[in-house]
Amino acid sequence: MRTLLAALLTLTLLAPALGTPTPPTPHRPASKRGLSWANAHWVPIAPFDAPSTPLTAQYNWAPAPSANTSYPFVPMLWGCDAAHVAAWDSVVAANFSGTRLTPDRAPLAFNEPELGVQANCSPKDAAAVWVKHFEPLKAWGYRLGTPAVTMGPEGKAWLLQWFAECAGACNPDFLAVHWYDMSFASLVSVLQGYYAAFDLPIWLTEYALTYFGPGSPPPLASVREVDEFMRASMAWLDAQDWVERYFWFGAMYDMQGVNPANSLLDPAGAPSRSGQLSPLGSVYLAPANSTRGTATAHAASAARRRRRRHTLANTAAICIVAWWYL
């Protein structure tokens, strides 16, 4: 009861800043591509904001933007500790200082909360913070994203426990998840699994072709393999009506342990921080329909490989039978 009363009090205090209550409304952007920006002003953001950009949203793992773009901002309550919550409350009380948000006004919460090196929130603490500081936004027309968990079983288990701790008081409108692995098939399987488990539209708020799983890591993907994966994944993500947005990792020089081949910035520009795009960055910023058919081509190529294996297997079987009767 005290938690509910606290949430109601927070809602009352924020009411003048947030404006007139309106029901949350889903938004279908012209392009699902977004920018995750970790560079503040020390790298020019201009290459990602050309007039023809397909990007329709940017976030920076923080409540307020660190660099302005012509497309809207997605605020984030990064952690459930007192410092992050206080910063969040301050920005919300100021009505995000007039920052242009996405049309559906869709904030994110708790970055990889199941990891000790990230937000490091227990499901119980995250539920309490959500109910008091995040859920009240829903009454004012904001669409709320779940805590942004990682793709593995730990992330899914954390999210299930979080829903249990919420006891019906947390009502997200979409699911935020991160994916890092080594195959297109894995991406499809993981996202389909999360969608089936939680029945919420998906925001893929970090993804790249790299390995953070258990055991010895496989060889790094080549620049060509990353390029092919990006094209195939974007085409597939664009074709899924239950995937609302996706954000490639990353637009940065320091890739924080992610295979550098995934960088959208040309490493040659690192000393001067030029912000010049890598070839992969140019692919990500190509017109939104330029990868159309790539996922289909990727699937067709896989089918051809399966048919070749099937044909070879049949040929081998025929040879064995013929040898037996000779």
C-alpha atoms as a PDB file:
ATOM      1  CA  MET A   1       0.000   0.000   0.000  1.00  0.00           C
ATOM      2  CA  ARG A   2       2.815   2.429   0.878  1.00  0.00           C
ATOM      3  CA  THR A   3       4.394   1.799  -2.553  1.00  0.00           C
ATOM      4  CA  LEU A   4       1.111   2.522  -4.306  1.00  0.00           C
ATOM      5  CA  LEU A   5       0.570   5.708  -2.273  1.00  0.00           C
ATOM      6  CA  ALA A   6       4.108   6.846  -3.084  1.00  0.00           C
ATOM      7  CA  ALA A   7       3.477   6.289  -6.796  1.00  0.00           C
ATOM      8  CA  LEU A   8       0.246   8.272  -6.623  1.00  0.00           C
ATOM      9  CA  LEU A   9       2.042  11.100  -4.812  1.00  0.00           C
ATOM     10  CA  THR A  10       4.776  11.136  -7.462  1.00  0.00           C
ATOM     11  CA  LEU A  11       2.146  11.232 -10.175  1.00  0.00           C
ATOM     12  CA  THR A  12       0.432  14.200  -8.479  1.00  0.00           C
ATOM     13  CA  LEU A  13       3.703  16.129  -8.091  1.00  0.00           C
ATOM     14  CA  LEU A  14       4.698  15.561 -11.717  1.00  0.00           C
ATOM     15  CA  ALA A  15       1.280  16.421 -13.145  1.00  0.00           C
ATOM     16  CA  PRO A  16       1.968  20.131 -13.802  1.00  0.00           C
ATOM     17  CA  ALA A  17       5.161  19.264 -15.700  1.00  0.00           C
ATOM     18  CA  LEU A  18       3.768  16.420 -17.769  1.00  0.00           C
ATOM     19  CA  GLY A  19       0.631  18.121 -19.019  1.00  0.00           C
ATOM     20  CA  THR A  20      -2.789  16.678 -19.800  1.00  0.00           C
ATOM     21  CA  PRO A  21      -3.185  12.891 -19.476  1.00  0.00           C
ATOM     22  CA  THR A  22      -3.618  11.059 -22.779  1.00  0.00           C
ATOM     23  CA  PRO A  23      -3.637   7.331 -23.477  1.00  0.00           C
ATOM     24  CA  PRO A  24      -0.356   5.935 -24.866  1.00  0.00           C
ATOM     25  CA  THR A  25      -0.419   5.598 -28.636  1.00  0.00           C
ATOM     26  CA  PRO A  26       1.864   3.279 -30.647  1.00  0.00           C
ATOM     27  CA  HIS A  27       3.880   4.977 -33.368  1.00  0.00           C
ATOM     28  CA  ARG A  28       5.088   3.443 -36.632  1.00  0.00           C
ATOM     29  CA  PRO A  29       8.195   5.383 -37.714  1.00  0.00           C
ATOM     30  CA  ALA A  30       9.032   5.731 -41.385  1.00  0.00           C
ATOM     31  CA  SER A  31      12.252   3.878 -40.587  1.00  0.00           C
ATOM     32  CA  LYS A  32      12.975   1.658 -37.586  1.00  0.00           C
ATOM     33  CA  ARG A  33      16.660   2.549 -37.488  1.00  0.00           C
ATOM     34  CA  GLY A  34      17.989   4.486 -34.521  1.00  0.00           C
ATOM     35  CA  LEU A  35      21.285   5.846 -33.222  1.00  0.00           C
ATOM     36  CA  SER A  36      22.839   4.933 -29.875  1.00  0.00           C
ATOM     37  CA  TRP A  37      25.243   7.807 -29.216  1.00  0.00           C
ATOM     38  CA  ALA A  38      27.912   7.574 -26.515  1.00  0.00           C
ATOM     39  CA  ASN A  39      30.212  10.360 -27.708  1.00  0.00           C
ATOM     40  CA  ALA A  40      28.606  13.559 -26.365  1.00  0.00           C
ATOM     41  CA  HIS A  41      30.233  16.456 -28.278  1.00  0.00           C
ATOM     42  CA  TRP A  42      33.743  15.039 -28.598  1.00  0.00           C
ATOM     43  CA  VAL A  43      32.847  13.383 -31.918  1.00  0.00           C
ATOM     44  CA  PRO A  44      30.802  15.323 -34.507  1.00  0.00           C
ATOM     45  CA  ILE A  45      27.326  13.859 -34.842  1.00  0.00           C
ATOM     46  CA  ALA A  46      26.736  15.614 -38.189  1.00  0.00           C
ATOM     47  CA  PRO A  47      27.526  12.550 -40.370  1.00  0.00           C
ATOM     48  CA  PHE A  48      24.586  10.806 -38.669  1.00  0.00           C
ATOM     49  CA  ASP A  49      22.239  13.715 -39.298  1.00  0.00           C
ATOM     50  CA  ALA A  50      22.357  14.325 -43.034  1.00  0.00           C
ATOM     51  CA  PRO A  51      19.090  15.492 -44.652  1.00  0.00           C
ATOM     52  CA  SER A  52      18.516  12.032 -46.139  1.00  0.00           C
ATOM     53  CA  THR A  53      19.177  10.106 -42.919  1.00  0.00           C
ATOM     54  CA  PRO A  54      16.994   7.049 -42.305  1.00  0.00           C
ATOM     55  CA  LEU A  55      17.489   7.439 -38.539  1.00  0.00           C
ATOM     56  CA  THR A  56      14.297   8.307 -36.660  1.00  0.00           C
ATOM     57  CA  ALA A  57      15.436   8.272 -33.017  1.00  0.00           C
ATOM     58  CA  GLN A  58      18.555   8.524 -30.873  1.00  0.00           C
ATOM     59  CA  TYR A  59      19.365   7.644 -27.295  1.00  0.00           C
ATOM     60  CA  ASN A  60      22.498   7.919 -25.172  1.00  0.00           C
ATOM     61  CA  TRP A  61      21.742   5.762 -22.099  1.00  0.00           C
ATOM     62  CA  ALA A  62      20.809   8.963 -20.194  1.00  0.00           C
ATOM     63  CA  PRO A  63      17.707  11.067 -19.383  1.00  0.00           C
ATOM     64  CA  ALA A  64      18.768  14.028 -21.572  1.00  0.00           C
ATOM     65  CA  PRO A  65      20.510  14.271 -24.939  1.00  0.00           C
ATOM     66  CA  SER A  66      24.235  15.013 -25.098  1.00  0.00           C
ATOM     67  CA  ALA A  67      24.119  16.025 -28.774  1.00  0.00           C
ATOM     68  CA  ASN A  68      21.178  17.353 -30.760  1.00  0.00           C
ATOM     69  CA  THR A  69      19.840  15.860 -33.982  1.00  0.00           C
ATOM     70  CA  SER A  70      16.981  16.617 -36.351  1.00  0.00           C
ATOM     71  CA  TYR A  71      15.303  13.388 -35.221  1.00  0.00           C
ATOM     72  CA  PRO A  72      13.844  12.882 -31.737  1.00  0.00           C
ATOM     73  CA  PHE A  73      15.367  11.629 -28.505  1.00  0.00           C
ATOM     74  CA  VAL A  74      14.602   8.582 -26.336  1.00  0.00           C
ATOM     75  CA  PRO A  75      15.344   9.245 -22.629  1.00  0.00           C
ATOM     76  CA  MET A  76      16.574   6.489 -20.320  1.00  0.00           C
ATOM     77  CA  LEU A  77      16.557   5.863 -16.582  1.00  0.00           C
ATOM     78  CA  TRP A  78      19.845   3.902 -16.626  1.00  0.00           C
ATOM     79  CA  GLY A  79      19.949   2.477 -13.090  1.00  0.00           C
ATOM     80  CA  CYS A  80      17.821   2.055  -9.997  1.00  0.00           C
ATOM     81  CA  ASP A  81      20.319   3.585  -7.546  1.00  0.00           C
ATOM     82  CA  ALA A  82      19.597   6.910  -5.835  1.00  0.00           C
ATOM     83  CA  ALA A  83      21.840   9.019  -8.089  1.00  0.00           C
ATOM     84  CA  HIS A  84      20.298   7.809 -11.343  1.00  0.00           C
ATOM     85  CA  VAL A  85      16.768   8.075  -9.960  1.00  0.00           C
ATOM     86  CA  ALA A  86      17.349  11.647  -8.722  1.00  0.00           C
ATOM     87  CA  ALA A  87      18.702  12.700 -12.130  1.00  0.00           C
ATOM     88  CA  TRP A  88      15.698  11.088 -13.803  1.00  0.00           C
ATOM     89  CA  ASP A  89      13.184  12.787 -11.503  1.00  0.00           C
ATOM     90  CA  SER A  90      14.832  16.155 -12.138  1.00  0.00           C
ATOM     91  CA  VAL A  91      14.566  15.796 -15.911  1.00  0.00           C
ATOM     92  CA  VAL A  92      10.971  14.565 -15.732  1.00  0.00           C
ATOM     93  CA  ALA A  93       9.985  17.430 -13.409  1.00  0.00           C
ATOM     94  CA  ALA A  94      11.356  19.850 -16.014  1.00  0.00           C
ATOM     95  CA  ASN A  95       9.262  18.114 -18.692  1.00  0.00           C
ATOM     96  CA  PHE A  96      12.496  16.933 -20.332  1.00  0.00           C
ATOM     97  CA  SER A  97      13.433  20.610 -20.763  1.00  0.00           C
ATOM     98  CA  GLY A  98      11.458  20.805 -23.976  1.00  0.00           C
ATOM     99  CA  THR A  99      13.536  18.071 -25.639  1.00  0.00           C
ATOM    100  CA  ARG A 100      11.811  16.712 -28.717  1.00  0.00           C
ATOM    101  CA  LEU A 101      10.852  13.135 -27.899  1.00  0.00           C
ATOM    102  CA  THR A 102       9.572  10.466 -30.273  1.00  0.00           C
ATOM    103  CA  PRO A 103       5.894  10.910 -31.187  1.00  0.00           C
ATOM    104  CA  ASP A 104       4.910   8.098 -28.818  1.00  0.00           C
ATOM    105  CA  ARG A 105       7.127   9.558 -26.034  1.00  0.00           C
ATOM    106  CA  ALA A 106       8.787   6.233 -25.251  1.00  0.00           C
ATOM    107  CA  PRO A 107      11.438   6.195 -22.491  1.00  0.00           C
ATOM    108  CA  LEU A 108      13.722   3.253 -21.667  1.00  0.00           C
ATOM    109  CA  ALA A 109      14.676   1.863 -18.261  1.00  0.00           C
ATOM    110  CA  PHE A 110      17.542   0.029 -16.505  1.00  0.00           C
ATOM    111  CA  ASN A 111      20.425  -0.926 -18.787  1.00  0.00           C
ATOM    112  CA  GLU A 112      21.227  -4.664 -18.520  1.00  0.00           C
ATOM    113  CA  PRO A 113      20.002  -4.773 -14.908  1.00  0.00           C
ATOM    114  CA  GLU A 114      20.956  -8.438 -14.438  1.00  0.00           C
ATOM    115  CA  LEU A 115      24.671  -7.655 -14.912  1.00  0.00           C
ATOM    116  CA  GLY A 116      26.816  -6.492 -12.004  1.00  0.00           C
ATOM    117  CA  VAL A 117      28.938  -4.336 -14.317  1.00  0.00           C
ATOM    118  CA  GLN A 118      25.888  -2.557 -15.727  1.00  0.00           C
ATOM    119  CA  ALA A 119      22.747  -1.274 -13.941  1.00  0.00           C
ATOM    120  CA  ASN A 120      22.989  -4.129 -11.411  1.00  0.00           C
ATOM    121  CA  CYS A 121      19.396  -3.924 -10.138  1.00  0.00           C
ATOM    122  CA  SER A 122      17.624  -6.760  -8.384  1.00  0.00           C
ATOM    123  CA  PRO A 123      14.164  -7.459  -9.840  1.00  0.00           C
ATOM    124  CA  LYS A 124      12.661  -6.363  -6.510  1.00  0.00           C
ATOM    125  CA  ASP A 125      14.479  -3.006  -6.431  1.00  0.00           C
ATOM    126  CA  ALA A 126      13.808  -2.389 -10.114  1.00  0.00           C
ATOM    127  CA  ALA A 127      10.088  -3.062  -9.595  1.00  0.00           C
ATOM    128  CA  ALA A 128       9.919  -0.614  -6.677  1.00  0.00           C
ATOM    129  CA  VAL A 129      11.713   2.131  -8.637  1.00  0.00           C
ATOM    130  CA  TRP A 130       9.590   1.495 -11.712  1.00  0.00           C
ATOM    131  CA  VAL A 131       6.282   1.744  -9.812  1.00  0.00           C
ATOM    132  CA  LYS A 132       7.261   5.023  -8.154  1.00  0.00           C
ATOM    133  CA  HIS A 133       9.276   6.804 -10.853  1.00  0.00           C
ATOM    134  CA  PHE A 134       8.370   5.267 -14.241  1.00  0.00           C
ATOM    135  CA  GLU A 135       4.860   3.842 -14.261  1.00  0.00           C
ATOM    136  CA  PRO A 136       3.268   7.262 -13.467  1.00  0.00           C
ATOM    137  CA  LEU A 137       4.344   8.491 -16.925  1.00  0.00           C
ATOM    138  CA  LYS A 138       1.944   6.059 -18.545  1.00  0.00           C
ATOM    139  CA  ALA A 139      -1.082   8.044 -17.393  1.00  0.00           C
ATOM    140  CA  TRP A 140       0.271  11.026 -19.368  1.00  0.00           C
ATOM    141  CA  GLY A 141       0.503   9.191 -22.655  1.00  0.00           C
ATOM    142  CA  TYR A 142       4.061   7.867 -22.484  1.00  0.00           C
ATOM    143  CA  ARG A 143       4.777   4.397 -23.881  1.00  0.00           C
ATOM    144  CA  LEU A 144       7.134   2.590 -21.548  1.00  0.00           C
ATOM    145  CA  GLY A 145       9.899   0.135 -22.417  1.00  0.00           C
ATOM    146  CA  THR A 146      10.800  -2.785 -20.177  1.00  0.00           C
ATOM    147  CA  PRO A 147      14.195  -2.922 -18.498  1.00  0.00           C
ATOM    148  CA  ALA A 148      16.701  -3.518 -21.310  1.00  0.00           C
ATOM    149  CA  VAL A 149      17.987  -7.041 -20.609  1.00  0.00           C
ATOM    150  CA  THR A 150      20.572  -9.115 -22.441  1.00  0.00           C
ATOM    151  CA  MET A 151      19.610 -11.885 -24.854  1.00  0.00           C
ATOM    152  CA  GLY A 152      20.612 -14.906 -22.755  1.00  0.00           C
ATOM    153  CA  PRO A 153      18.630 -17.018 -20.290  1.00  0.00           C
ATOM    154  CA  GLU A 154      19.781 -14.803 -17.416  1.00  0.00           C
ATOM    155  CA  GLY A 155      18.132 -11.791 -19.039  1.00  0.00           C
ATOM    156  CA  LYS A 156      14.873 -13.617 -19.642  1.00  0.00           C
ATOM    157  CA  ALA A 157      14.843 -15.057 -16.093  1.00  0.00           C
ATOM    158  CA  TRP A 158      15.494 -11.609 -14.625  1.00  0.00           C
ATOM    159  CA  LEU A 159      12.630 -10.121 -16.635  1.00  0.00           C
ATOM    160  CA  LEU A 160      10.215 -12.864 -15.582  1.00  0.00           C
ATOM    161  CA  GLN A 161      11.126 -12.288 -11.924  1.00  0.00           C
ATOM    162  CA  TRP A 162      10.744  -8.536 -12.376  1.00  0.00           C
ATOM    163  CA  PHE A 163       7.196  -8.984 -13.669  1.00  0.00           C
ATOM    164  CA  ALA A 164       6.486 -11.217 -10.664  1.00  0.00           C
ATOM    165  CA  GLU A 165       7.848  -8.586  -8.241  1.00  0.00           C
ATOM    166  CA  CYS A 166       5.721  -5.942  -9.937  1.00  0.00           C
ATOM    167  CA  ALA A 167       2.573  -7.958  -9.139  1.00  0.00           C
ATOM    168  CA  GLY A 168       0.655  -6.261 -11.943  1.00  0.00           C
ATOM    169  CA  ALA A 169       1.797  -2.721 -11.119  1.00  0.00           C
ATOM    170  CA  CYS A 170       4.306  -2.497 -14.013  1.00  0.00           C
ATOM    171  CA  ASN A 171       2.702  -2.154 -17.432  1.00  0.00           C
ATOM    172  CA  PRO A 172       5.306  -1.731 -20.174  1.00  0.00           C
ATOM    173  CA  ASP A 173       4.192  -1.192 -23.764  1.00  0.00           C
ATOM    174  CA  PHE A 174       7.223  -2.711 -25.483  1.00  0.00           C
ATOM    175  CA  LEU A 175      10.191  -4.918 -24.657  1.00  0.00           C
ATOM    176  CA  ALA A 176      13.799  -3.684 -24.890  1.00  0.00           C
ATOM    177  CA  VAL A 177      16.493  -6.306 -25.386  1.00  0.00           C
ATOM    178  CA  HIS A 178      20.167  -6.487 -26.419  1.00  0.00           C
ATOM    179  CA  TRP A 179      21.612  -9.070 -28.806  1.00  0.00           C
ATOM    180  CA  TYR A 180      25.289  -9.977 -29.304  1.00  0.00           C
ATOM    181  CA  ASP A 181      26.057 -13.235 -31.084  1.00  0.00           C
ATOM    182  CA  MET A 182      27.535 -14.650 -34.262  1.00  0.00           C
ATOM    183  CA  SER A 183      24.733 -15.571 -36.654  1.00  0.00           C
ATOM    184  CA  PHE A 184      21.635 -14.250 -38.353  1.00  0.00           C
ATOM    185  CA  ALA A 185      19.792 -17.416 -37.273  1.00  0.00           C
ATOM    186  CA  SER A 186      20.550 -16.624 -33.622  1.00  0.00           C
ATOM    187  CA  LEU A 187      19.137 -13.109 -33.968  1.00  0.00           C
ATOM    188  CA  VAL A 188      15.902 -14.439 -35.443  1.00  0.00           C
ATOM    189  CA  SER A 189      15.575 -17.187 -32.831  1.00  0.00           C
ATOM    190  CA  VAL A 190      16.272 -14.914 -29.843  1.00  0.00           C
ATOM    191  CA  LEU A 191      13.880 -12.161 -30.883  1.00  0.00           C
ATOM    192  CA  GLN A 192      11.123 -14.592 -31.813  1.00  0.00           C
ATOM    193  CA  GLY A 193      11.626 -16.262 -28.428  1.00  0.00           C
ATOM    194  CA  TYR A 194      11.311 -13.009 -26.493  1.00  0.00           C
ATOM    195  CA  TYR A 195       8.270 -11.975 -28.489  1.00  0.00           C
ATOM    196  CA  ALA A 196       6.598 -15.339 -27.866  1.00  0.00           C
ATOM    197  CA  ALA A 197       7.445 -15.278 -24.141  1.00  0.00           C
ATOM    198  CA  PHE A 198       6.255 -11.739 -23.340  1.00  0.00           C
ATOM    199  CA  ASP A 199       3.837 -10.829 -26.165  1.00  0.00           C
ATOM    200  CA  LEU A 200       5.210  -7.281 -26.417  1.00  0.00           C
ATOM    201  CA  PRO A 201       6.571  -5.409 -29.438  1.00  0.00           C
ATOM    202  CA  ILE A 202      10.377  -5.437 -29.554  1.00  0.00           C
ATOM    203  CA  TRP A 203      12.927  -2.632 -29.428  1.00  0.00           C
ATOM    204  CA  LEU A 204      16.400  -4.016 -30.161  1.00  0.00           C
ATOM    205  CA  THR A 205      18.305  -1.282 -28.330  1.00  0.00           C
ATOM    206  CA  GLU A 206      21.800  -2.751 -28.833  1.00  0.00           C
ATOM    207  CA  TYR A 207      22.982  -5.335 -31.346  1.00  0.00           C
ATOM    208  CA  ALA A 208      26.142  -6.310 -33.185  1.00  0.00           C
ATOM    209  CA  LEU A 209      27.850  -9.359 -34.668  1.00  0.00           C
ATOM    210  CA  THR A 210      30.169 -10.249 -31.772  1.00  0.00           C
ATOM    211  CA  TYR A 211      30.393 -12.871 -29.040  1.00  0.00           C
ATOM    212  CA  PHE A 212      29.938 -12.388 -25.289  1.00  0.00           C
ATOM    213  CA  GLY A 213      28.748 -15.907 -24.461  1.00  0.00           C
ATOM    214  CA  PRO A 214      30.307 -18.667 -22.349  1.00  0.00           C
ATOM    215  CA  GLY A 215      33.342 -20.691 -23.326  1.00  0.00           C
ATOM    216  CA  SER A 216      36.082 -19.832 -25.782  1.00  0.00           C
ATOM    217  CA  PRO A 217      34.997 -17.128 -28.219  1.00  0.00           C
ATOM    218  CA  PRO A 218      34.888 -18.016 -31.914  1.00  0.00           C
ATOM    219  CA  PRO A 219      37.073 -16.116 -34.394  1.00  0.00           C
ATOM    220  CA  LEU A 220      36.054 -12.493 -34.900  1.00  0.00           C
ATOM    221  CA  ALA A 221      33.729 -11.860 -37.814  1.00  0.00           C
ATOM    222  CA  SER A 222      35.402 -10.165 -40.765  1.00  0.00           C
ATOM    223  CA  VAL A 223      34.395  -6.760 -42.102  1.00  0.00           C
ATOM    224  CA  ARG A 224      32.642  -8.515 -44.993  1.00  0.00           C
ATOM    225  CA  GLU A 225      30.758 -10.875 -42.667  1.00  0.00           C
ATOM    226  CA  VAL A 226      29.593  -7.964 -40.495  1.00  0.00           C
ATOM    227  CA  ASP A 227      28.458  -6.064 -43.596  1.00  0.00           C
ATOM    228  CA  GLU A 228      26.479  -9.065 -44.870  1.00  0.00           C
ATOM    229  CA  PHE A 229      24.941  -9.621 -41.439  1.00  0.00           C
ATOM    230  CA  MET A 230      23.920  -5.973 -41.088  1.00  0.00           C
ATOM    231  CA  ARG A 231      22.185  -5.957 -44.469  1.00  0.00           C
ATOM    232  CA  ALA A 232      20.365  -9.226 -43.800  1.00  0.00           C
ATOM    233  CA  SER A 233      19.363  -8.288 -40.260  1.00  0.00           C
ATOM    234  CA  MET A 234      18.020  -4.862 -41.196  1.00  0.00           C
ATOM    235  CA  ALA A 235      15.932  -6.315 -44.006  1.00  0.00           C
ATOM    236  CA  TRP A 236      14.501  -8.941 -41.660  1.00  0.00           C
ATOM    237  CA  LEU A 237      13.879  -6.504 -38.791  1.00  0.00           C
ATOM    238  CA  ASP A 238      12.146  -4.099 -41.163  1.00  0.00           C
ATOM    239  CA  ALA A 239       9.842  -6.907 -42.303  1.00  0.00           C
ATOM    240  CA  GLN A 240       8.646  -7.879 -38.793  1.00  0.00           C
ATOM    241  CA  ASP A 241       5.645  -5.808 -37.743  1.00  0.00           C
ATOM    242  CA  TRP A 242       6.312  -6.667 -34.081  1.00  0.00           C
ATOM    243  CA  VAL A 243       9.802  -5.129 -34.201  1.00  0.00           C
ATOM    244  CA  GLU A 244       9.339  -1.383 -33.688  1.00  0.00           C
ATOM    245  CA  ARG A 245      12.907  -0.042 -33.564  1.00  0.00           C
ATOM    246  CA  TYR A 246      16.522  -1.221 -33.653  1.00  0.00           C
ATOM    247  CA  PHE A 247      19.850   0.412 -32.735  1.00  0.00           C
ATOM    248  CA  TRP A 248      23.187  -0.876 -34.047  1.00  0.00           C
ATOM    249  CA  PHE A 249      26.210  -0.916 -31.727  1.00  0.00           C
ATOM    250  CA  GLY A 250      28.024   1.151 -32.331  1.00  0.00           C
ATOM    251  CA  ALA A 251      28.656   4.692 -33.389  1.00  0.00           C
ATOM    252  CA  MET A 252      31.943   4.985 -31.497  1.00  0.00           C
ATOM    253  CA  TYR A 253      35.689   4.524 -31.791  1.00  0.00           C
ATOM    254  CA  ASP A 254      36.078   2.625 -28.504  1.00  0.00           C
ATOM    255  CA  MET A 255      33.822  -0.367 -29.063  1.00  0.00           C
ATOM    256  CA  GLN A 256      33.995  -1.501 -25.415  1.00  0.00           C
ATOM    257  CA  GLY A 257      34.896  -5.108 -26.158  1.00  0.00           C
ATOM    258  CA  VAL A 258      32.691  -5.443 -29.251  1.00  0.00           C
ATOM    259  CA  ASN A 259      34.427  -6.553 -32.468  1.00  0.00           C
ATOM    260  CA  PRO A 260      35.749  -3.280 -34.018  1.00  0.00           C
ATOM    261  CA  ALA A 261      34.453  -4.415 -37.416  1.00  0.00           C
ATOM    262  CA  ASN A 262      31.007  -3.382 -36.107  1.00  0.00           C
ATOM    263  CA  SER A 263      31.992   0.282 -35.742  1.00  0.00           C
ATOM    264  CA  LEU A 264      30.015   2.793 -37.771  1.00  0.00           C
ATOM    265  CA  LEU A 265      33.003   5.164 -37.622  1.00  0.00           C
ATOM    266  CA  ASP A 266      36.156   4.940 -39.738  1.00  0.00           C
ATOM    267  CA  PRO A 267      39.049   4.102 -37.370  1.00  0.00           C
ATOM    268  CA  ALA A 268      41.318   6.341 -39.463  1.00  0.00           C
ATOM    269  CA  GLY A 269      39.393   9.295 -38.062  1.00  0.00           C
ATOM    270  CA  ALA A 270      39.973   8.358 -34.422  1.00  0.00           C
ATOM    271  CA  PRO A 271      43.082  10.546 -33.792  1.00  0.00           C
ATOM    272  CA  SER A 272      41.282  13.685 -34.979  1.00  0.00           C
ATOM    273  CA  ARG A 273      37.813  12.488 -33.890  1.00  0.00           C
ATOM    274  CA  SER A 274      36.509  13.400 -37.341  1.00  0.00           C
ATOM    275  CA  GLY A 275      33.311  11.363 -37.071  1.00  0.00           C
ATOM    276  CA  GLN A 276      33.836  10.103 -40.620  1.00  0.00           C
ATOM    277  CA  LEU A 277      31.686   7.078 -41.395  1.00  0.00           C
ATOM    278  CA  SER A 278      33.115   3.633 -42.002  1.00  0.00           C
ATOM    279  CA  PRO A 279      31.784   1.680 -45.013  1.00  0.00           C
ATOM    280  CA  LEU A 280      29.515  -0.104 -42.529  1.00  0.00           C
ATOM    281  CA  GLY A 281      28.264   3.255 -41.283  1.00  0.00           C
ATOM    282  CA  SER A 282      27.358   4.175 -44.850  1.00  0.00           C
ATOM    283  CA  VAL A 283      25.343   0.958 -45.124  1.00  0.00           C
ATOM    284  CA  TYR A 284      23.474   1.745 -41.894  1.00  0.00           C
ATOM    285  CA  LEU A 285      22.698   5.258 -43.122  1.00  0.00           C
ATOM    286  CA  ALA A 286      21.649   4.191 -46.623  1.00  0.00           C
ATOM    287  CA  PRO A 287      18.001   4.795 -47.596  1.00  0.00           C
ATOM    288  CA  ALA A 288      15.639   2.661 -45.564  1.00  0.00           C
ATOM    289  CA  ASN A 289      14.574   0.466 -48.508  1.00  0.00           C
ATOM    290  CA  SER A 290      18.098  -0.244 -49.778  1.00  0.00           C
ATOM    291  CA  THR A 291      18.343  -3.572 -47.921  1.00  0.00           C
ATOM    292  CA  ARG A 292      14.948  -4.793 -49.079  1.00  0.00           C
ATOM    293  CA  GLY A 293      15.157  -8.400 -50.163  1.00  0.00           C
ATOM    294  CA  THR A 294      18.468  -9.047 -48.426  1.00  0.00           C
ATOM    295  CA  ALA A 295      16.895 -11.226 -45.736  1.00  0.00           C
ATOM    296  CA  THR A 296      15.070 -13.151 -48.441  1.00  0.00           C
ATOM    297  CA  ALA A 297      18.322 -13.556 -50.355  1.00  0.00           C
ATOM    298  CA  HIS A 298      20.062 -14.688 -47.170  1.00  0.00           C
ATOM    299  CA  ALA A 299      17.362 -17.302 -46.570  1.00  0.00           C
ATOM    300  CA  ALA A 300      17.463 -18.387 -50.221  1.00  0.00           C
ATOM    301  CA  SER A 301      21.225 -18.822 -50.014  1.00  0.00           C
ATOM    302  CA  ALA A 302      20.834 -20.972 -46.906  1.00  0.00           C
ATOM    303  CA  ALA A 303      18.159 -23.033 -48.681  1.00  0.00           C
ATOM    304  CA  ARG A 304      20.485 -23.573 -51.642  1.00  0.00           C
ATOM    305  CA  ARG A 305      23.211 -24.788 -49.286  1.00  0.00           C
ATOM    306  CA  ARG A 306      20.746 -27.197 -47.666  1.00  0.00           C
ATOM    307  CA  ARG A 307      19.676 -28.488 -51.111  1.00  0.00           C
ATOM    308  CA  ARG A 308      23.317 -28.992 -52.111  1.00  0.00           C
ATOM    309  CA  ARG A 309      23.975 -30.943 -48.920  1.00  0.00           C
ATOM    310  CA  HIS A 310      20.824 -32.977 -49.547  1.00  0.00           C
ATOM    311  CA  THR A 311      21.872 -33.669 -53.142  1.00  0.00           C
ATOM    312  CA  LEU A 312      25.359 -34.702 -52.089  1.00  0.00           C
ATOM    313  CA  ALA A 313      23.909 -36.979 -49.421  1.00  0.00           C
ATOM    314  CA  ASN A 314      21.569 -38.604 -51.954  1.00  0.00           C
ATOM    315  CA  THR A 315      24.423 -39.029 -54.443  1.00  0.00           C
ATOM    316  CA  ALA A 316      26.573 -40.656 -51.788  1.00  0.00           C
ATOM    317  CA  ALA A 317      23.737 -43.002 -50.839  1.00  0.00           C
ATOM    318  CA  ILE A 318      23.198 -44.019 -54.484  1.00  0.00           C
ATOM    319  CA  CYS A 319      26.907 -44.701 -54.907  1.00  0.00           C
ATOM    320  CA  ILE A 320      26.956 -46.885 -51.813  1.00  0.00           C
ATOM    321  CA  VAL A 321      23.923 -48.863 -53.015  1.00  0.00           C
ATOM    322  CA  ALA A 322      25.417 -49.281 -56.489  1.00  0.00           C
ATOM    323  CA  TRP A 323      28.738 -50.431 -54.996  1.00  0.00           C
ATOM    324  CA  TRP A 324      26.848 -52.976 -52.836  1.00  0.00           C
ATOM    325  CA  TYR A 325      25.181 -54.614 -55.854  1.00  0.00           C
ATOM    326  CA  LEU A 326      28.302 -54.669 -58.058  1.00  0.00           C
END
